[in-house]
Amino acid sequence: MSQKALPPIEITEVIYDRMYVQINHPDLRKSLLTYRILNSVNKLIRKGSFVGEYIQLSLVHMPDGNYKIYLSEQEGSEYSFEFLKRSNS
């Protein structure tokens, strides 16, 4: 029986206070990843970078809505994900 391969990167799709980013690919865990978060009209809301296997981003300051996060590595690969930010009330 074959095991299904994990995607290289996984994120939390519905965010209340924190986004959790899981880096599953061993090479990506060692790479500097930069990220950009854009709102529904493609305005840059936040950017930064990190290295590691498991990252938490605090997004409590962001208003409710639909967003995209783009994760890029120095070698040029880019991953994009859509997510929904909701109030924790």
C-alpha atoms as a PDB file:
ATOM      1  CA  MET A   1       0.000   0.000   0.000  1.00  0.00           C
ATOM      2  CA  SER A   2       1.518   3.327  -1.042  1.00  0.00           C
ATOM      3  CA  GLN A   3       1.549   6.335   1.215  1.00  0.00           C
ATOM      4  CA  LYS A   4       0.302   9.667  -0.110  1.00  0.00           C
ATOM      5  CA  ALA A   5       3.108  12.224  -0.259  1.00  0.00           C
ATOM      6  CA  LEU A   6       2.695  15.358   1.815  1.00  0.00           C
ATOM      7  CA  PRO A   7       2.594  18.677  -0.044  1.00  0.00           C
ATOM      8  CA  PRO A   8       5.849  20.684   0.282  1.00  0.00           C
ATOM      9  CA  ILE A   9       4.088  23.393   2.338  1.00  0.00           C
ATOM     10  CA  GLU A  10       0.806  23.426   4.263  1.00  0.00           C
ATOM     11  CA  ILE A  11      -0.962  26.372   5.911  1.00  0.00           C
ATOM     12  CA  THR A  12      -3.992  26.955   8.082  1.00  0.00           C
ATOM     13  CA  GLU A  13      -6.820  27.899   5.691  1.00  0.00           C
ATOM     14  CA  VAL A  14      -9.073  29.646   8.231  1.00  0.00           C
ATOM     15  CA  ILE A  15      -7.185  32.065  10.494  1.00  0.00           C
ATOM     16  CA  TYR A  16      -8.396  33.580  13.760  1.00  0.00           C
ATOM     17  CA  ASP A  17      -5.253  34.855  15.505  1.00  0.00           C
ATOM     18  CA  ARG A  18      -2.383  32.820  14.061  1.00  0.00           C
ATOM     19  CA  MET A  19      -1.436  31.215  10.784  1.00  0.00           C
ATOM     20  CA  TYR A  20       0.459  27.967  11.096  1.00  0.00           C
ATOM     21  CA  VAL A  21       2.876  27.122   8.284  1.00  0.00           C
ATOM     22  CA  GLN A  22       4.226  23.564   8.084  1.00  0.00           C
ATOM     23  CA  ILE A  23       7.238  23.009   5.822  1.00  0.00           C
ATOM     24  CA  ASN A  24       7.247  19.335   4.832  1.00  0.00           C
ATOM     25  CA  HIS A  25       9.998  19.251   2.194  1.00  0.00           C
ATOM     26  CA  PRO A  26      13.464  18.757   3.787  1.00  0.00           C
ATOM     27  CA  ASP A  27      15.226  21.125   1.352  1.00  0.00           C
ATOM     28  CA  LEU A  28      12.678  23.901   1.980  1.00  0.00           C
ATOM     29  CA  ARG A  29      13.193  23.559   5.751  1.00  0.00           C
ATOM     30  CA  LYS A  30      16.807  24.665   5.269  1.00  0.00           C
ATOM     31  CA  SER A  31      16.031  27.475   2.807  1.00  0.00           C
ATOM     32  CA  LEU A  32      15.266  31.080   3.563  1.00  0.00           C
ATOM     33  CA  LEU A  33      11.612  31.520   2.616  1.00  0.00           C
ATOM     34  CA  THR A  34      10.181  34.976   2.072  1.00  0.00           C
ATOM     35  CA  TYR A  35       6.484  35.603   2.314  1.00  0.00           C
ATOM     36  CA  ARG A  36       4.035  38.266   1.163  1.00  0.00           C
ATOM     37  CA  ILE A  37       0.415  38.513   2.308  1.00  0.00           C
ATOM     38  CA  LEU A  38      -1.958  40.390  -0.015  1.00  0.00           C
ATOM     39  CA  ASN A  39      -5.590  41.304   0.533  1.00  0.00           C
ATOM     40  CA  SER A  40      -8.448  40.738  -1.939  1.00  0.00           C
ATOM     41  CA  VAL A  41      -7.462  43.808  -4.013  1.00  0.00           C
ATOM     42  CA  ASN A  42      -3.789  42.695  -4.146  1.00  0.00           C
ATOM     43  CA  LYS A  43      -2.559  45.284  -1.639  1.00  0.00           C
ATOM     44  CA  LEU A  44       0.506  44.159   0.303  1.00  0.00           C
ATOM     45  CA  ILE A  45      -0.459  43.722   3.967  1.00  0.00           C
ATOM     46  CA  ARG A  46       2.631  42.062   5.410  1.00  0.00           C
ATOM     47  CA  LYS A  47       5.957  40.605   4.335  1.00  0.00           C
ATOM     48  CA  GLY A  48       8.875  38.873   5.964  1.00  0.00           C
ATOM     49  CA  SER A  49      11.086  35.801   5.897  1.00  0.00           C
ATOM     50  CA  PHE A  50      11.869  32.714   7.941  1.00  0.00           C
ATOM     51  CA  VAL A  51      13.771  29.428   8.023  1.00  0.00           C
ATOM     52  CA  GLY A  52      12.419  26.303   9.634  1.00  0.00           C
ATOM     53  CA  GLU A  53       9.936  23.470   9.716  1.00  0.00           C
ATOM     54  CA  TYR A  54       7.045  24.988  11.638  1.00  0.00           C
ATOM     55  CA  ILE A  55       6.224  28.711  11.703  1.00  0.00           C
ATOM     56  CA  GLN A  56       3.494  30.731  13.427  1.00  0.00           C
ATOM     57  CA  LEU A  57       2.499  34.137  12.085  1.00  0.00           C
ATOM     58  CA  SER A  58       0.373  36.398  14.276  1.00  0.00           C
ATOM     59  CA  LEU A  59      -2.368  37.895  12.111  1.00  0.00           C
ATOM     60  CA  VAL A  60      -4.628  39.173  14.888  1.00  0.00           C
ATOM     61  CA  HIS A  61      -4.185  42.775  13.644  1.00  0.00           C
ATOM     62  CA  MET A  62      -5.609  42.023  10.184  1.00  0.00           C
ATOM     63  CA  PRO A  63      -9.283  42.708   9.370  1.00  0.00           C
ATOM     64  CA  ASP A  64     -11.588  39.868   8.413  1.00  0.00           C
ATOM     65  CA  GLY A  65     -11.457  38.923   4.750  1.00  0.00           C
ATOM     66  CA  ASN A  66      -9.922  36.806   2.013  1.00  0.00           C
ATOM     67  CA  TYR A  67      -6.158  36.897   1.525  1.00  0.00           C
ATOM     68  CA  LYS A  68      -3.344  35.242  -0.386  1.00  0.00           C
ATOM     69  CA  ILE A  69       0.073  34.324   0.920  1.00  0.00           C
ATOM     70  CA  TYR A  70       3.003  33.847  -1.436  1.00  0.00           C
ATOM     71  CA  LEU A  71       6.025  31.896  -0.193  1.00  0.00           C
ATOM     72  CA  SER A  72       9.232  32.082  -2.259  1.00  0.00           C
ATOM     73  CA  GLU A  73      12.609  30.469  -1.911  1.00  0.00           C
ATOM     74  CA  GLN A  74      15.876  31.908  -3.157  1.00  0.00           C
ATOM     75  CA  GLU A  75      16.109  29.339  -5.975  1.00  0.00           C
ATOM     76  CA  GLY A  76      12.950  30.837  -7.476  1.00  0.00           C
ATOM     77  CA  SER A  77      10.184  28.391  -6.524  1.00  0.00           C
ATOM     78  CA  GLU A  78       7.004  30.123  -5.381  1.00  0.00           C
ATOM     79  CA  TYR A  79       3.973  28.684  -3.601  1.00  0.00           C
ATOM     80  CA  SER A  80       0.678  30.521  -3.158  1.00  0.00           C
ATOM     81  CA  PHE A  81      -2.276  29.818  -0.881  1.00  0.00           C
ATOM     82  CA  GLU A  82      -5.594  31.496  -0.273  1.00  0.00           C
ATOM     83  CA  PHE A  83      -6.908  31.827   3.273  1.00  0.00           C
ATOM     84  CA  LEU A  84      -9.752  33.380   5.196  1.00  0.00           C
ATOM     85  CA  LYS A  85      -9.190  35.641   8.213  1.00  0.00           C
ATOM     86  CA  ARG A  86     -12.011  35.721  10.771  1.00  0.00           C
ATOM     87  CA  SER A  87     -12.497  37.464  14.096  1.00  0.00           C
ATOM     88  CA  ASN A  88     -12.105  35.303  17.156  1.00  0.00           C
ATOM     89  CA  SER A  89     -15.417  36.452  18.636  1.00  0.00           C
END
